[in-house]
C-alpha cells in the first residue's frame, strides 16, 4: 500500500497540472473565438465602395413627393431641389457654362446666376418671371440693364475701354437718352 500511495500522489499532481493547462487552453480558445467573431462583425459593418450608374435619380420624401432630381440631359447634368410643392433651386451644367436658378414659393424663377464663356451674370425676375435687372461682368467691362414690369428695357449702363455709356428708354423701348 505504501508503494501505491506515492504513485497516487504523483497521479494527483499530474492531474492537477493537466486541469490547469486545460483551463488556460479554454481561456485562450474563448479569446480567439471572441476576436474572430468581432472581426467578422466589423468586416460586415464596413461599407464596401460601389459605383452606381444611372441616367437619373429621384429623391422622394416619406409622403412620396419628389424633393430632388439628378439627371443627365442632352446638354449636361442637372440638379433640381424642391420643397413640398414646387421646385425651389436648379443647378444645370451645359456645354458653354453653368447656371443656378432660384425659385419663389410659387415655383416662379426669381434669381438666375450663371457663368458662360463671355463672363458671369446675374438676372433678377419679378413675381411673374419677367426680367427686372441683369448684371454681367464681361471681359470688356460690366453691363447693367434694368427692365419695366412688361420686361422691356428702360435703362442700361455699360462700362468698357472707352468709358461709361448710359442709355435710357421710354415705355415703348425707344432710346430717349444715350446710345443703343
N, C-alpha and C. Protein backbone atom coordinates (compact mmCIF):
# COMPACT_ATOMS: atom_id res chain seq x y z
N UNK A 1 0.79 -1.18 0.00
CA UNK A 1 0.00 0.00 0.00
C UNK A 1 0.84 1.25 0.00
N UNK A 2 1.95 1.17 0.67
CA UNK A 2 2.82 2.33 0.69
C UNK A 2 3.41 2.59 -0.68
N UNK A 3 3.57 1.59 -1.49
CA UNK A 3 4.11 1.80 -2.83
C UNK A 3 3.06 2.47 -3.71
N UNK A 4 1.82 2.23 -3.43
CA UNK A 4 0.77 2.83 -4.27
C UNK A 4 0.51 4.27 -3.85
N UNK A 5 0.73 4.62 -2.59
CA UNK A 5 0.45 5.97 -2.12
C UNK A 5 1.30 7.00 -2.83
N UNK A 6 2.63 6.82 -2.97
CA UNK A 6 3.39 7.83 -3.72
C UNK A 6 2.95 7.86 -5.17
N UNK A 7 2.57 6.74 -5.71
CA UNK A 7 2.14 6.70 -7.10
C UNK A 7 0.83 7.46 -7.25
N UNK A 8 -0.06 7.35 -6.30
CA UNK A 8 -1.34 8.06 -6.33
C UNK A 8 -1.12 9.55 -6.18
N UNK A 9 -0.20 9.93 -5.32
CA UNK A 9 0.11 11.35 -5.13
C UNK A 9 0.67 11.93 -6.41
N UNK A 10 1.51 11.16 -7.11
CA UNK A 10 2.08 11.63 -8.38
C UNK A 10 0.97 11.80 -9.41
N UNK A 11 0.05 10.88 -9.44
CA UNK A 11 -1.07 10.96 -10.40
C UNK A 11 -1.92 12.18 -10.08
N UNK A 12 -2.16 12.44 -8.82
CA UNK A 12 -2.99 13.60 -8.43
C UNK A 12 -2.29 14.89 -8.85
N UNK A 13 -0.98 15.00 -8.64
CA UNK A 13 -0.22 16.20 -9.02
C UNK A 13 -0.28 16.38 -10.53
N UNK A 14 -0.07 15.30 -11.25
CA UNK A 14 -0.11 15.37 -12.72
C UNK A 14 -1.51 15.74 -13.20
N UNK A 15 -2.55 15.23 -12.55
CA UNK A 15 -3.94 15.53 -12.93
C UNK A 15 -4.24 17.00 -12.68
N UNK A 16 -3.75 17.56 -11.59
CA UNK A 16 -3.96 18.98 -11.30
C UNK A 16 -3.28 19.85 -12.37
N UNK A 17 -2.07 19.45 -12.82
CA UNK A 17 -1.37 20.20 -13.86
C UNK A 17 -2.15 20.15 -15.17
N UNK A 18 -2.68 19.01 -15.54
CA UNK A 18 -3.46 18.84 -16.77
C UNK A 18 -4.72 19.70 -16.70
N UNK A 19 -5.41 19.70 -15.54
CA UNK A 19 -6.62 20.51 -15.39
C UNK A 19 -6.28 22.00 -15.50
N UNK A 20 -5.15 22.44 -14.94
CA UNK A 20 -4.73 23.84 -15.01
C UNK A 20 -4.42 24.21 -16.47
N UNK A 21 -3.71 23.33 -17.18
CA UNK A 21 -3.43 23.58 -18.59
C UNK A 21 -4.73 23.62 -19.40
N UNK A 22 -5.68 22.77 -19.06
CA UNK A 22 -6.97 22.72 -19.75
C UNK A 22 -7.74 24.03 -19.56
N UNK A 23 -7.72 24.59 -18.34
CA UNK A 23 -8.40 25.86 -18.08
C UNK A 23 -7.75 26.98 -18.90
N UNK A 24 -6.41 27.01 -18.96
CA UNK A 24 -5.71 28.03 -19.74
C UNK A 24 -6.04 27.89 -21.22
N UNK A 25 -6.08 26.67 -21.71
CA UNK A 25 -6.40 26.41 -23.11
C UNK A 25 -7.82 26.85 -23.43
N UNK A 26 -8.76 26.60 -22.52
CA UNK A 26 -10.14 27.04 -22.72
C UNK A 26 -10.22 28.57 -22.79
N UNK A 27 -9.49 29.26 -21.90
CA UNK A 27 -9.50 30.72 -21.90
C UNK A 27 -8.93 31.27 -23.21
N UNK A 28 -7.84 30.70 -23.66
CA UNK A 28 -7.24 31.13 -24.93
C UNK A 28 -8.23 30.88 -26.07
N UNK A 29 -8.91 29.76 -26.06
CA UNK A 29 -9.91 29.44 -27.09
C UNK A 29 -11.05 30.45 -27.10
N UNK A 30 -11.54 30.83 -25.91
CA UNK A 30 -12.63 31.80 -25.81
C UNK A 30 -12.18 33.15 -26.36
N UNK A 31 -10.97 33.58 -26.02
CA UNK A 31 -10.44 34.87 -26.51
C UNK A 31 -10.30 34.84 -28.03
N UNK A 32 -9.73 33.76 -28.58
CA UNK A 32 -9.57 33.64 -30.03
C UNK A 32 -10.93 33.64 -30.71
N UNK A 33 -11.88 32.91 -30.17
CA UNK A 33 -13.22 32.86 -30.74
C UNK A 33 -13.87 34.25 -30.69
N UNK A 34 -13.71 34.96 -29.57
CA UNK A 34 -14.27 36.32 -29.44
C UNK A 34 -13.67 37.27 -30.46
N UNK A 35 -12.34 37.19 -30.66
CA UNK A 35 -11.70 38.05 -31.65
C UNK A 35 -12.16 37.71 -33.06
N UNK A 36 -12.33 36.44 -33.35
CA UNK A 36 -12.80 36.03 -34.68
C UNK A 36 -14.21 36.55 -34.93
N UNK A 37 -15.10 36.43 -33.95
CA UNK A 37 -16.47 36.93 -34.11
C UNK A 37 -16.46 38.45 -34.27
N UNK A 38 -15.66 39.15 -33.46
CA UNK A 38 -15.58 40.61 -33.58
C UNK A 38 -15.06 41.02 -34.95
N UNK A 39 -14.07 40.32 -35.45
CA UNK A 39 -13.54 40.61 -36.79
C UNK A 39 -14.59 40.41 -37.87
N UNK A 40 -15.38 39.36 -37.76
CA UNK A 40 -16.42 39.11 -38.76
C UNK A 40 -17.50 40.17 -38.70
N UNK A 41 -17.90 40.56 -37.49
CA UNK A 41 -18.94 41.58 -37.34
C UNK A 41 -18.43 42.92 -37.89
N UNK A 42 -17.20 43.28 -37.57
CA UNK A 42 -16.65 44.54 -38.07
C UNK A 42 -16.49 44.49 -39.58
N UNK A 43 -16.13 43.36 -40.11
CA UNK A 43 -15.99 43.21 -41.56
C UNK A 43 -17.31 43.38 -42.26
N UNK A 44 -18.40 42.92 -41.66
CA UNK A 44 -19.72 43.07 -42.27
C UNK A 44 -20.21 44.50 -42.13
N UNK A 45 -19.84 45.20 -41.07
CA UNK A 45 -20.32 46.55 -40.85
C UNK A 45 -19.61 47.55 -41.76
N UNK A 46 -18.44 47.24 -42.24
CA UNK A 46 -17.68 48.15 -43.09
C UNK A 46 -18.35 48.23 -44.46
N UNK A 47 -18.74 49.43 -44.89
CA UNK A 47 -19.33 49.54 -46.22
C UNK A 47 -18.29 49.31 -47.30
N UNK A 48 -18.72 48.70 -48.34
CA UNK A 48 -17.82 48.45 -49.45
C UNK A 48 -18.07 49.52 -50.50
N UNK A 49 -17.01 50.03 -51.10
CA UNK A 49 -17.14 51.05 -52.13
C UNK A 49 -17.83 50.45 -53.34
N UNK A 50 -18.82 51.19 -53.86
CA UNK A 50 -19.56 50.75 -55.03
C UNK A 50 -19.71 51.91 -55.99
N UNK A 51 -19.88 51.60 -57.21
CA UNK A 51 -20.23 52.59 -58.21
C UNK A 51 -21.62 52.24 -58.70
N UNK A 52 -22.51 53.22 -58.59
CA UNK A 52 -23.86 53.04 -59.08
C UNK A 52 -24.00 53.91 -60.32
N UNK A 53 -24.41 53.31 -61.41
CA UNK A 53 -24.56 54.04 -62.66
C UNK A 53 -26.03 54.14 -63.02
N UNK A 54 -26.43 55.35 -63.45
CA UNK A 54 -27.81 55.58 -63.86
C UNK A 54 -27.85 56.86 -64.68
N UNK A 55 -28.94 57.07 -65.38
CA UNK A 55 -29.13 58.31 -66.13
C UNK A 55 -29.85 59.35 -65.30
N UNK A 56 -30.37 58.96 -64.15
CA UNK A 56 -31.04 59.91 -63.29
C UNK A 56 -31.42 59.28 -61.96
N UNK A 57 -31.65 60.15 -60.99
CA UNK A 57 -32.09 59.73 -59.67
C UNK A 57 -33.21 60.66 -59.23
N UNK A 58 -34.19 60.11 -58.54
CA UNK A 58 -35.28 60.89 -57.97
C UNK A 58 -35.32 60.59 -56.48
N UNK A 59 -35.34 61.65 -55.68
CA UNK A 59 -35.37 61.52 -54.23
C UNK A 59 -36.75 61.97 -53.76
N UNK A 60 -37.46 61.08 -53.04
CA UNK A 60 -38.81 61.39 -52.56
C UNK A 60 -38.82 61.40 -51.04
N UNK A 61 -39.74 62.20 -50.48
CA UNK A 61 -39.89 62.21 -49.03
C UNK A 61 -40.81 61.06 -48.59
N UNK A 62 -41.10 61.00 -47.30
CA UNK A 62 -41.91 59.90 -46.76
C UNK A 62 -43.32 59.88 -47.35
N UNK A 63 -43.81 61.05 -47.80
CA UNK A 63 -45.15 61.13 -48.38
C UNK A 63 -45.15 60.82 -49.88
N UNK A 64 -43.99 60.54 -50.44
CA UNK A 64 -43.90 60.20 -51.85
C UNK A 64 -43.74 61.39 -52.78
N UNK A 65 -43.54 62.59 -52.22
CA UNK A 65 -43.36 63.78 -53.06
C UNK A 65 -41.90 63.89 -53.49
N UNK A 66 -41.72 64.26 -54.75
CA UNK A 66 -40.36 64.41 -55.29
C UNK A 66 -39.73 65.64 -54.65
N UNK A 67 -38.56 65.45 -54.03
CA UNK A 67 -37.85 66.54 -53.37
C UNK A 67 -36.56 66.90 -54.07
N UNK A 68 -36.02 65.97 -54.86
CA UNK A 68 -34.79 66.26 -55.61
C UNK A 68 -34.72 65.36 -56.83
N UNK A 69 -34.15 65.91 -57.90
CA UNK A 69 -33.91 65.14 -59.12
C UNK A 69 -32.50 65.41 -59.58
N UNK A 70 -31.82 64.36 -59.96
CA UNK A 70 -30.50 64.46 -60.55
C UNK A 70 -30.57 63.70 -61.86
N UNK A 71 -30.31 64.40 -62.95
CA UNK A 71 -30.42 63.74 -64.25
C UNK A 71 -29.38 64.29 -65.22
N UNK A 72 -29.23 63.57 -66.31
CA UNK A 72 -28.33 64.00 -67.37
C UNK A 72 -29.14 64.13 -68.64
N UNK A 73 -29.20 65.35 -69.17
CA UNK A 73 -29.90 65.61 -70.42
C UNK A 73 -28.92 65.73 -71.57
N UNK A 74 -29.43 66.11 -72.71
CA UNK A 74 -28.55 66.22 -73.89
C UNK A 74 -27.53 67.33 -73.73
N UNK A 75 -27.83 68.36 -72.91
CA UNK A 75 -26.90 69.48 -72.73
C UNK A 75 -25.97 69.30 -71.54
N UNK A 76 -26.24 68.33 -70.65
CA UNK A 76 -25.39 68.12 -69.49
C UNK A 76 -26.20 67.74 -68.27
N UNK A 77 -25.54 67.61 -67.11
CA UNK A 77 -26.23 67.21 -65.89
C UNK A 77 -27.00 68.35 -65.26
N UNK A 78 -28.05 67.98 -64.51
CA UNK A 78 -28.85 68.97 -63.80
C UNK A 78 -29.32 68.43 -62.47
N UNK A 79 -29.46 69.34 -61.52
CA UNK A 79 -29.95 69.00 -60.19
C UNK A 79 -31.08 69.97 -59.86
N UNK A 80 -32.23 69.43 -59.45
CA UNK A 80 -33.37 70.25 -59.05
C UNK A 80 -33.74 69.88 -57.63
N UNK A 81 -33.92 70.90 -56.78
CA UNK A 81 -34.34 70.70 -55.40
C UNK A 81 -35.72 71.33 -55.23
N UNK A 82 -36.62 70.64 -54.53
CA UNK A 82 -37.99 71.11 -54.39
C UNK A 82 -38.41 71.13 -52.93
N UNK A 83 -39.36 72.03 -52.62
CA UNK A 83 -40.00 71.97 -51.31
C UNK A 83 -41.15 70.97 -51.42
N UNK A 84 -42.13 71.07 -50.59
CA UNK A 84 -43.23 70.10 -50.63
C UNK A 84 -44.09 70.23 -51.88
N UNK A 85 -44.05 71.38 -52.56
CA UNK A 85 -44.95 71.61 -53.67
C UNK A 85 -44.29 71.97 -55.00
N UNK A 86 -43.21 72.73 -54.98
CA UNK A 86 -42.65 73.29 -56.21
C UNK A 86 -41.12 73.21 -56.19
N UNK A 87 -40.52 73.30 -57.39
CA UNK A 87 -39.06 73.41 -57.44
C UNK A 87 -38.62 74.73 -56.80
N UNK A 88 -37.50 74.70 -56.09
CA UNK A 88 -37.01 75.91 -55.44
C UNK A 88 -35.61 76.28 -55.87
N UNK A 89 -34.85 75.31 -56.41
CA UNK A 89 -33.50 75.60 -56.87
C UNK A 89 -33.12 74.62 -57.97
N UNK A 90 -32.36 75.11 -58.93
CA UNK A 90 -31.89 74.25 -60.01
C UNK A 90 -30.47 74.60 -60.38
N UNK A 91 -29.67 73.60 -60.57
CA UNK A 91 -28.28 73.78 -60.99
C UNK A 91 -28.08 72.97 -62.25
N UNK A 92 -27.67 73.63 -63.32
CA UNK A 92 -27.50 72.95 -64.61
C UNK A 92 -26.15 73.27 -65.21
N UNK A 93 -25.50 72.24 -65.69
CA UNK A 93 -24.26 72.40 -66.44
C UNK A 93 -24.58 72.15 -67.89
N UNK A 94 -24.05 72.97 -68.77
CA UNK A 94 -24.26 72.78 -70.18
C UNK A 94 -22.96 73.06 -70.90
N UNK A 95 -22.95 72.88 -72.19
CA UNK A 95 -21.73 72.95 -72.98
C UNK A 95 -20.94 74.24 -72.74
N UNK A 96 -21.63 75.36 -72.67
CA UNK A 96 -20.94 76.64 -72.59
C UNK A 96 -20.91 77.26 -71.20
N UNK A 97 -21.38 76.57 -70.18
CA UNK A 97 -21.35 77.16 -68.86
C UNK A 97 -22.16 76.42 -67.83
N UNK A 98 -22.49 77.16 -66.78
CA UNK A 98 -23.25 76.62 -65.65
C UNK A 98 -24.27 77.67 -65.22
N UNK A 99 -25.44 77.21 -64.74
CA UNK A 99 -26.49 78.13 -64.31
C UNK A 99 -27.14 77.64 -63.03
N UNK A 100 -27.36 78.58 -62.10
CA UNK A 100 -28.07 78.31 -60.87
C UNK A 100 -29.32 79.17 -60.87
N UNK A 101 -30.49 78.53 -60.76
CA UNK A 101 -31.76 79.25 -60.72
C UNK A 101 -32.40 79.06 -59.35
N UNK A 102 -32.95 80.15 -58.81
CA UNK A 102 -33.65 80.10 -57.53
C UNK A 102 -35.09 80.52 -57.77
N UNK A 103 -36.04 79.75 -57.21
CA UNK A 103 -37.47 79.96 -57.45
C UNK A 103 -38.16 80.40 -56.17
N UNK A 104 -39.28 81.13 -56.30
CA UNK A 104 -40.05 81.53 -55.13
C UNK A 104 -41.01 80.40 -54.72
N UNK A 105 -41.84 80.68 -53.72
CA UNK A 105 -42.75 79.66 -53.19
C UNK A 105 -43.80 79.22 -54.20
N UNK A 106 -43.99 79.98 -55.29
CA UNK A 106 -44.94 79.62 -56.33
C UNK A 106 -44.29 78.89 -57.50
N UNK A 107 -43.00 78.64 -57.39
CA UNK A 107 -42.29 77.94 -58.46
C UNK A 107 -41.86 78.85 -59.60
N UNK A 108 -41.92 80.17 -59.41
CA UNK A 108 -41.50 81.14 -60.43
C UNK A 108 -40.03 81.47 -60.22
N UNK A 109 -39.29 81.53 -61.33
CA UNK A 109 -37.88 81.88 -61.22
C UNK A 109 -37.75 83.32 -60.75
N UNK A 110 -36.86 83.55 -59.77
CA UNK A 110 -36.65 84.89 -59.24
C UNK A 110 -35.22 85.35 -59.42
N UNK A 111 -34.27 84.41 -59.35
CA UNK A 111 -32.86 84.76 -59.49
C UNK A 111 -32.18 83.73 -60.37
N UNK A 112 -31.39 84.22 -61.31
CA UNK A 112 -30.56 83.35 -62.14
C UNK A 112 -29.12 83.80 -62.04
N UNK A 113 -28.25 82.89 -61.75
CA UNK A 113 -26.82 83.18 -61.66
C UNK A 113 -26.13 82.25 -62.63
N UNK A 114 -25.30 82.80 -63.50
CA UNK A 114 -24.68 81.94 -64.50
C UNK A 114 -23.24 82.36 -64.77
N UNK A 115 -22.51 81.42 -65.31
CA UNK A 115 -21.15 81.67 -65.78
C UNK A 115 -21.07 81.05 -67.16
N UNK A 116 -20.78 81.89 -68.15
CA UNK A 116 -20.62 81.45 -69.52
C UNK A 116 -19.28 81.91 -70.04
N UNK A 117 -18.96 81.56 -71.26
CA UNK A 117 -17.66 81.90 -71.83
C UNK A 117 -17.40 83.41 -71.78
N UNK A 118 -18.42 84.21 -72.03
CA UNK A 118 -18.26 85.67 -72.05
C UNK A 118 -18.06 86.27 -70.67
N UNK A 119 -18.49 85.54 -69.62
CA UNK A 119 -18.34 86.03 -68.26
C UNK A 119 -19.52 85.66 -67.39
N UNK A 120 -19.47 86.01 -66.10
CA UNK A 120 -20.57 85.69 -65.18
C UNK A 120 -21.70 86.70 -65.31
N UNK A 121 -22.89 86.29 -64.86
CA UNK A 121 -24.04 87.18 -64.89
C UNK A 121 -25.03 86.86 -63.81
N UNK A 122 -25.87 87.85 -63.54
CA UNK A 122 -26.93 87.73 -62.55
C UNK A 122 -28.20 88.32 -63.16
N UNK A 123 -29.31 87.59 -63.06
CA UNK A 123 -30.59 88.06 -63.58
C UNK A 123 -31.61 88.00 -62.44
N UNK A 124 -32.32 89.11 -62.25
CA UNK A 124 -33.38 89.18 -61.24
C UNK A 124 -34.71 89.27 -61.96
N UNK A 125 -35.69 88.47 -61.50
CA UNK A 125 -37.01 88.41 -62.13
C UNK A 125 -38.06 88.90 -61.15
N UNK A 126 -39.18 89.43 -61.68
CA UNK A 126 -40.30 89.79 -60.82
C UNK A 126 -41.14 88.55 -60.51
N UNK A 127 -42.26 88.74 -59.80
CA UNK A 127 -43.10 87.61 -59.40
C UNK A 127 -43.76 86.91 -60.58
N UNK A 128 -43.74 87.54 -61.76
CA UNK A 128 -44.29 86.91 -62.97
C UNK A 128 -43.22 86.24 -63.82
N UNK A 129 -41.98 86.28 -63.35
CA UNK A 129 -40.90 85.65 -64.08
C UNK A 129 -40.27 86.54 -65.14
N UNK A 130 -40.66 87.82 -65.21
CA UNK A 130 -40.09 88.74 -66.21
C UNK A 130 -38.82 89.38 -65.67
N UNK A 131 -37.89 89.67 -66.60
CA UNK A 131 -36.64 90.33 -66.21
C UNK A 131 -36.92 91.65 -65.50
N UNK A 132 -36.18 91.93 -64.47
CA UNK A 132 -36.20 93.24 -63.81
C UNK A 132 -34.82 93.87 -63.88
N UNK A 133 -33.78 93.03 -63.77
CA UNK A 133 -32.41 93.54 -63.81
C UNK A 133 -31.47 92.45 -64.26
N UNK A 134 -30.46 92.86 -65.02
CA UNK A 134 -29.38 91.96 -65.44
C UNK A 134 -28.06 92.64 -65.15
N UNK A 135 -27.13 91.87 -64.64
CA UNK A 135 -25.79 92.37 -64.40
C UNK A 135 -24.82 91.36 -64.97
N UNK A 136 -23.96 91.81 -65.87
CA UNK A 136 -22.97 90.93 -66.48
C UNK A 136 -21.59 91.52 -66.25
N UNK A 137 -20.63 90.66 -66.08
CA UNK A 137 -19.24 91.08 -65.93
C UNK A 137 -18.44 90.44 -67.06
N UNK A 138 -18.50 91.07 -68.22
CA UNK A 138 -17.80 90.56 -69.39
C UNK A 138 -16.35 91.03 -69.36
N UNK A 139 -15.51 90.42 -70.20
CA UNK A 139 -14.09 90.78 -70.19
C UNK A 139 -13.88 92.22 -70.65
N UNK A 140 -14.78 92.76 -71.48
CA UNK A 140 -14.65 94.15 -71.94
C UNK A 140 -15.17 95.15 -70.91
N UNK A 141 -15.90 94.66 -69.89
CA UNK A 141 -16.42 95.55 -68.85
C UNK A 141 -17.80 95.12 -68.40
N UNK A 142 -18.27 95.71 -67.31
CA UNK A 142 -19.58 95.32 -66.78
C UNK A 142 -20.73 95.96 -67.56
N UNK A 143 -21.90 95.32 -67.43
CA UNK A 143 -23.11 95.82 -68.08
C UNK A 143 -24.27 95.63 -67.10
N UNK A 144 -25.08 96.67 -66.93
CA UNK A 144 -26.26 96.62 -66.09
C UNK A 144 -27.46 97.02 -66.94
N UNK A 145 -28.51 96.24 -66.92
CA UNK A 145 -29.74 96.56 -67.65
C UNK A 145 -30.92 96.46 -66.69
N UNK A 146 -31.81 97.47 -66.76
CA UNK A 146 -33.00 97.50 -65.92
C UNK A 146 -34.23 97.46 -66.82
N UNK A 147 -35.25 96.70 -66.40
CA UNK A 147 -36.44 96.46 -67.22
C UNK A 147 -37.68 96.90 -66.46
N UNK A 148 -38.77 97.20 -67.21
CA UNK A 148 -40.04 97.55 -66.57
C UNK A 148 -40.86 96.29 -66.31
N UNK A 149 -42.09 96.47 -65.82
CA UNK A 149 -42.95 95.33 -65.47
C UNK A 149 -43.36 94.50 -66.67
N UNK A 150 -43.20 95.04 -67.89
CA UNK A 150 -43.51 94.30 -69.11
C UNK A 150 -42.29 93.59 -69.69
N UNK A 151 -41.16 93.70 -69.00
CA UNK A 151 -39.94 93.06 -69.48
C UNK A 151 -39.21 93.86 -70.55
N UNK A 152 -39.61 95.15 -70.76
CA UNK A 152 -38.95 95.99 -71.75
C UNK A 152 -37.79 96.74 -71.09
N UNK A 153 -36.67 96.91 -71.82
CA UNK A 153 -35.54 97.63 -71.24
C UNK A 153 -35.90 99.10 -71.00
N UNK A 154 -35.48 99.63 -69.85
CA UNK A 154 -35.74 101.04 -69.53
C UNK A 154 -34.45 101.81 -69.29
N UNK A 155 -33.39 101.10 -68.85
CA UNK A 155 -32.10 101.78 -68.63
C UNK A 155 -30.98 100.76 -68.79
N UNK A 156 -29.87 101.25 -69.32
CA UNK A 156 -28.71 100.38 -69.47
C UNK A 156 -27.44 101.15 -69.19
N UNK A 157 -26.50 100.50 -68.55
CA UNK A 157 -25.21 101.11 -68.26
C UNK A 157 -24.14 100.11 -68.65
N UNK A 158 -23.23 100.56 -69.50
CA UNK A 158 -22.12 99.73 -69.94
C UNK A 158 -20.84 100.50 -69.65
N UNK A 159 -19.85 99.81 -69.12
CA UNK A 159 -18.54 100.41 -68.92
C UNK A 159 -17.55 99.55 -69.69
N UNK A 160 -16.91 100.15 -70.71
CA UNK A 160 -15.92 99.41 -71.48
C UNK A 160 -14.64 100.24 -71.58
N UNK A 161 -13.76 99.88 -72.47
CA UNK A 161 -12.46 100.57 -72.58
C UNK A 161 -12.61 102.03 -72.97
N UNK A 162 -13.74 102.39 -73.60
CA UNK A 162 -13.98 103.78 -73.99
C UNK A 162 -14.64 104.59 -72.88
N UNK A 163 -15.03 103.95 -71.78
CA UNK A 163 -15.67 104.64 -70.67
C UNK A 163 -17.10 104.20 -70.49
N UNK A 164 -17.84 104.90 -69.62
CA UNK A 164 -19.23 104.51 -69.35
C UNK A 164 -20.18 105.00 -70.45
N UNK A 165 -21.24 104.21 -70.65
CA UNK A 165 -22.29 104.57 -71.59
C UNK A 165 -23.62 104.30 -70.91
N UNK A 166 -24.43 105.36 -70.74
CA UNK A 166 -25.73 105.25 -70.13
C UNK A 166 -26.79 105.44 -71.21
N UNK A 167 -27.76 104.53 -71.23
CA UNK A 167 -28.86 104.63 -72.19
C UNK A 167 -30.17 104.53 -71.43
N UNK A 168 -31.11 105.44 -71.76
CA UNK A 168 -32.44 105.43 -71.15
C UNK A 168 -33.47 105.20 -72.25
N UNK A 169 -34.51 104.42 -71.94
CA UNK A 169 -35.54 104.05 -72.91
C UNK A 169 -36.90 104.52 -72.41
N UNK A 170 -37.82 104.84 -73.35
CA UNK A 170 -39.19 105.15 -72.95
C UNK A 170 -39.98 103.85 -72.77
N UNK A 171 -41.27 103.97 -72.46
CA UNK A 171 -42.09 102.79 -72.20
C UNK A 171 -42.27 101.91 -73.43
N UNK A 172 -41.99 102.43 -74.62
CA UNK A 172 -42.10 101.64 -75.87
C UNK A 172 -40.76 101.02 -76.28
N UNK A 173 -39.72 101.27 -75.50
CA UNK A 173 -38.42 100.72 -75.82
C UNK A 173 -37.58 101.60 -76.72
N UNK A 174 -38.02 102.85 -76.99
CA UNK A 174 -37.25 103.79 -77.81
C UNK A 174 -36.23 104.51 -76.94
N UNK A 175 -35.04 104.72 -77.51
CA UNK A 175 -33.98 105.43 -76.79
C UNK A 175 -34.38 106.89 -76.64
N UNK A 176 -34.36 107.38 -75.38
CA UNK A 176 -34.67 108.78 -75.12
C UNK A 176 -33.40 109.55 -74.71
N UNK A 177 -32.37 108.81 -74.32
CA UNK A 177 -31.13 109.47 -73.97
C UNK A 177 -30.02 108.44 -74.08
N UNK A 178 -28.91 108.82 -74.67
CA UNK A 178 -27.76 107.94 -74.82
C UNK A 178 -27.77 107.23 -76.14
N UNK A 179 -26.98 106.19 -76.23
CA UNK A 179 -26.87 105.39 -77.45
C UNK A 179 -27.37 103.97 -77.18
N UNK A 180 -27.97 103.35 -78.21
CA UNK A 180 -28.47 101.99 -78.00
C UNK A 180 -27.35 100.97 -77.84
